[in-house]
Every structure is written in C-alpha cells, then in structure tokens.
C-alpha cells in the first residue's frame, strides 16, 4: 500500500511541476519555473523511495499510468482542459485497465 501511495505522490508532484512549467512557458514568470523545479525535485525523492520497494519495470509502468490519470483529472478540474474524441477517452480507459492489470499479484522486487 505504501508503494501505491508513493506512486501517487510521484504523479502528483509531476503534475504540479508540469502545470507550473506550462504557466512559466506562457507567462515567463520565474516563480512558476522555480515551483516547477522544486516539484520535480520532490518527485525524484518520492520516485527513489518507490524504487526501493519495487523493480524499475513495475514502478515505471505504474508511474506512467497513474500519472496519466492524475494529470488528466487535475487538468480537467483545475485547468479546464478536455479530451476531444472518443478515441482519447478509450485510450484513458485502457490506461486505467493497464494500471489494474499491472497491480495484479504481488509487487515485484
């Protein structure tokens, strides 16, 4: 359970970093660049902790999937961004299915 929490924190930190980098790219305000860099430093620390509890293949697969879902939900709620086609929604559903498939069985070391 701790591993899943760590992956969620990696993904949340990545979203905070990415959204701040987007704001920096559009506004040029250095505070957004700084927040993005700090968020990525935090993300790396959580990733290191997650990797101490699993192997790279599993951790990276879970991170990619969970990050896609968390980023999509937060971008939808906070930034007003939307997916624009049924194929994109199907792709998101497949990612969620992949997360569940990866999580079957015990976490590999």
C-alpha atoms as a PDB file:
ATOM      1  CA  UNK A   1       0.000   0.000   0.000  1.00  0.00           C
ATOM      2  CA  UNK A   2       2.888   2.359   0.725  1.00  0.00           C
ATOM      3  CA  UNK A   3       4.205   1.756  -2.786  1.00  0.00           C
ATOM      4  CA  UNK A   4       0.898   2.879  -4.351  1.00  0.00           C
ATOM      5  CA  UNK A   5       0.896   5.992  -2.146  1.00  0.00           C
ATOM      6  CA  UNK A   6       4.459   6.770  -3.253  1.00  0.00           C
ATOM      7  CA  UNK A   7       3.491   6.377  -6.922  1.00  0.00           C
ATOM      8  CA  UNK A   8       0.515   8.710  -6.369  1.00  0.00           C
ATOM      9  CA  UNK A   9       2.845  11.275  -4.749  1.00  0.00           C
ATOM     10  CA  UNK A  10       5.306  10.955  -7.646  1.00  0.00           C
ATOM     11  CA  UNK A  11       2.457  11.584 -10.074  1.00  0.00           C
ATOM     12  CA  UNK A  12       1.007  14.495  -8.096  1.00  0.00           C
ATOM     13  CA  UNK A  13       4.427  16.131  -7.838  1.00  0.00           C
ATOM     14  CA  UNK A  14       4.878  15.655 -11.572  1.00  0.00           C
ATOM     15  CA  UNK A  15       1.527  17.349 -12.246  1.00  0.00           C
ATOM     16  CA  UNK A  16       2.477  20.319 -10.047  1.00  0.00           C
ATOM     17  CA  UNK A  17       5.791  20.600 -11.876  1.00  0.00           C
ATOM     18  CA  UNK A  18       4.252  20.275 -15.326  1.00  0.00           C
ATOM     19  CA  UNK A  19       1.479  22.776 -14.663  1.00  0.00           C
ATOM     20  CA  UNK A  20       3.982  25.296 -13.315  1.00  0.00           C
ATOM     21  CA  UNK A  21       6.236  24.778 -16.335  1.00  0.00           C
ATOM     22  CA  UNK A  22       3.202  25.416 -18.556  1.00  0.00           C
ATOM     23  CA  UNK A  23       2.471  28.650 -16.659  1.00  0.00           C
ATOM     24  CA  UNK A  24       6.119  29.685 -16.945  1.00  0.00           C
ATOM     25  CA  UNK A  25       6.148  28.952 -20.682  1.00  0.00           C
ATOM     26  CA  UNK A  26       3.110  31.167 -21.194  1.00  0.00           C
ATOM     27  CA  UNK A  27       3.880  33.974 -18.741  1.00  0.00           C
ATOM     28  CA  UNK A  28       7.647  33.983 -18.333  1.00  0.00           C
ATOM     29  CA  UNK A  29       7.237  34.433 -14.555  1.00  0.00           C
ATOM     30  CA  UNK A  30      10.224  32.951 -12.800  1.00  0.00           C
ATOM     31  CA  UNK A  31       8.233  31.916  -9.742  1.00  0.00           C
ATOM     32  CA  UNK A  32       6.475  29.296 -11.893  1.00  0.00           C
ATOM     33  CA  UNK A  33       9.813  27.999 -13.127  1.00  0.00           C
ATOM     34  CA  UNK A  34      11.049  27.759  -9.538  1.00  0.00           C
ATOM     35  CA  UNK A  35       7.906  25.939  -8.383  1.00  0.00           C
ATOM     36  CA  UNK A  36       8.213  23.516 -11.289  1.00  0.00           C
ATOM     37  CA  UNK A  37      11.826  22.733 -10.436  1.00  0.00           C
ATOM     38  CA  UNK A  38      11.022  22.231  -6.747  1.00  0.00           C
ATOM     39  CA  UNK A  39       8.100  19.940  -7.630  1.00  0.00           C
ATOM     40  CA  UNK A  40      10.373  17.844  -9.848  1.00  0.00           C
ATOM     41  CA  UNK A  41      12.968  17.580  -7.049  1.00  0.00           C
ATOM     42  CA  UNK A  42      10.224  16.341  -4.713  1.00  0.00           C
ATOM     43  CA  UNK A  43       9.042  13.950  -7.426  1.00  0.00           C
ATOM     44  CA  UNK A  44      12.513  12.449  -7.727  1.00  0.00           C
ATOM     45  CA  UNK A  45      12.721  11.867  -3.965  1.00  0.00           C
ATOM     46  CA  UNK A  46       9.372  10.025  -3.986  1.00  0.00           C
ATOM     47  CA  UNK A  47      10.450   8.027  -7.052  1.00  0.00           C
ATOM     48  CA  UNK A  48      13.642   6.921  -5.309  1.00  0.00           C
ATOM     49  CA  UNK A  49      11.593   5.734  -2.323  1.00  0.00           C
ATOM     50  CA  UNK A  50       9.209   3.862  -4.658  1.00  0.00           C
ATOM     51  CA  UNK A  51      12.125   2.199  -6.458  1.00  0.00           C
ATOM     52  CA  UNK A  52      13.469   0.965  -3.118  1.00  0.00           C
ATOM     53  CA  UNK A  53      10.232  -1.047  -2.782  1.00  0.00           C
ATOM     54  CA  UNK A  54       9.901  -2.421  -6.328  1.00  0.00           C
ATOM     55  CA  UNK A  55      11.705  -3.076  -9.577  1.00  0.00           C
ATOM     56  CA  UNK A  56      12.091  -0.460 -12.307  1.00  0.00           C
ATOM     57  CA  UNK A  57       9.729  -2.068 -14.823  1.00  0.00           C
ATOM     58  CA  UNK A  58       6.810  -2.207 -12.403  1.00  0.00           C
ATOM     59  CA  UNK A  59       7.456   1.201 -10.815  1.00  0.00           C
ATOM     60  CA  UNK A  60       7.793   2.937 -14.177  1.00  0.00           C
ATOM     61  CA  UNK A  61       4.668   1.291 -15.592  1.00  0.00           C
ATOM     62  CA  UNK A  62       2.611   2.225 -12.550  1.00  0.00           C
ATOM     63  CA  UNK A  63       4.017   5.769 -12.534  1.00  0.00           C
ATOM     64  CA  UNK A  64       3.219   6.277 -16.227  1.00  0.00           C
ATOM     65  CA  UNK A  65      -0.331   5.025 -15.812  1.00  0.00           C
ATOM     66  CA  UNK A  66      -1.171   6.730 -12.538  1.00  0.00           C
ATOM     67  CA  UNK A  67       0.439   9.954 -13.738  1.00  0.00           C
ATOM     68  CA  UNK A  68      -1.682   9.947 -16.894  1.00  0.00           C
ATOM     69  CA  UNK A  69      -4.874   9.525 -14.878  1.00  0.00           C
ATOM     70  CA  UNK A  70      -3.993  12.074 -12.169  1.00  0.00           C
ATOM     71  CA  UNK A  71      -2.806  14.615 -14.738  1.00  0.00           C
ATOM     72  CA  UNK A  72      -5.944  14.150 -16.826  1.00  0.00           C
ATOM     73  CA  UNK A  73      -8.276  14.567 -13.856  1.00  0.00           C
ATOM     74  CA  UNK A  74      -6.460  17.599 -12.447  1.00  0.00           C
ATOM     75  CA  UNK A  75      -6.065  19.267 -15.854  1.00  0.00           C
ATOM     76  CA  UNK A  76      -9.797  18.726 -16.400  1.00  0.00           C
ATOM     77  CA  UNK A  77     -10.774  20.126 -12.982  1.00  0.00           C
ATOM     78  CA  UNK A  78      -8.190  22.865 -12.467  1.00  0.00           C
ATOM     79  CA  UNK A  79      -7.169  23.980 -15.951  1.00  0.00           C
ATOM     80  CA  UNK A  80     -10.409  23.351 -17.817  1.00  0.00           C
ATOM     81  CA  UNK A  81      -8.661  21.158 -20.390  1.00  0.00           C
ATOM     82  CA  UNK A  82     -10.652  18.470 -22.202  1.00  0.00           C
ATOM     83  CA  UNK A  83     -10.131  15.343 -24.251  1.00  0.00           C
ATOM     84  CA  UNK A  84     -11.710  15.906 -27.656  1.00  0.00           C
ATOM     85  CA  UNK A  85     -12.542  12.491 -29.103  1.00  0.00           C
ATOM     86  CA  UNK A  86     -13.960   9.127 -28.131  1.00  0.00           C
ATOM     87  CA  UNK A  87     -10.613   7.540 -29.062  1.00  0.00           C
ATOM     88  CA  UNK A  88      -8.875   9.656 -26.406  1.00  0.00           C
ATOM     89  CA  UNK A  89     -11.419   8.548 -23.779  1.00  0.00           C
ATOM     90  CA  UNK A  90     -10.935   4.923 -24.843  1.00  0.00           C
ATOM     91  CA  UNK A  91      -7.172   5.394 -24.517  1.00  0.00           C
ATOM     92  CA  UNK A  92      -7.607   6.745 -20.998  1.00  0.00           C
ATOM     93  CA  UNK A  93      -9.827   3.770 -20.105  1.00  0.00           C
ATOM     94  CA  UNK A  94      -7.129   1.429 -21.453  1.00  0.00           C
ATOM     95  CA  UNK A  95      -4.523   3.156 -19.260  1.00  0.00           C
ATOM     96  CA  UNK A  96      -6.746   2.623 -16.212  1.00  0.00           C
ATOM     97  CA  UNK A  97      -7.161  -1.039 -17.208  1.00  0.00           C
ATOM     98  CA  UNK A  98      -3.388  -1.301 -17.543  1.00  0.00           C
ATOM     99  CA  UNK A  99      -2.891   0.024 -14.012  1.00  0.00           C
ATOM    100  CA  UNK A 100      -5.224  -2.653 -12.655  1.00  0.00           C
ATOM    101  CA  UNK A 101      -3.519  -5.337 -14.749  1.00  0.00           C
ATOM    102  CA  UNK A 102      -0.073  -4.300 -13.528  1.00  0.00           C
ATOM    103  CA  UNK A 103      -1.284  -4.334  -9.941  1.00  0.00           C
ATOM    104  CA  UNK A 104      -2.398  -7.976 -10.044  1.00  0.00           C
ATOM    105  CA  UNK A 105      -0.294 -10.243  -7.913  1.00  0.00           C
ATOM    106  CA  UNK A 106       2.389  -9.061  -5.542  1.00  0.00           C
ATOM    107  CA  UNK A 107       4.634  -6.071  -6.153  1.00  0.00           C
ATOM    108  CA  UNK A 108       7.865  -7.347  -7.759  1.00  0.00           C
ATOM    109  CA  UNK A 109      11.143  -6.556  -6.019  1.00  0.00           C
END
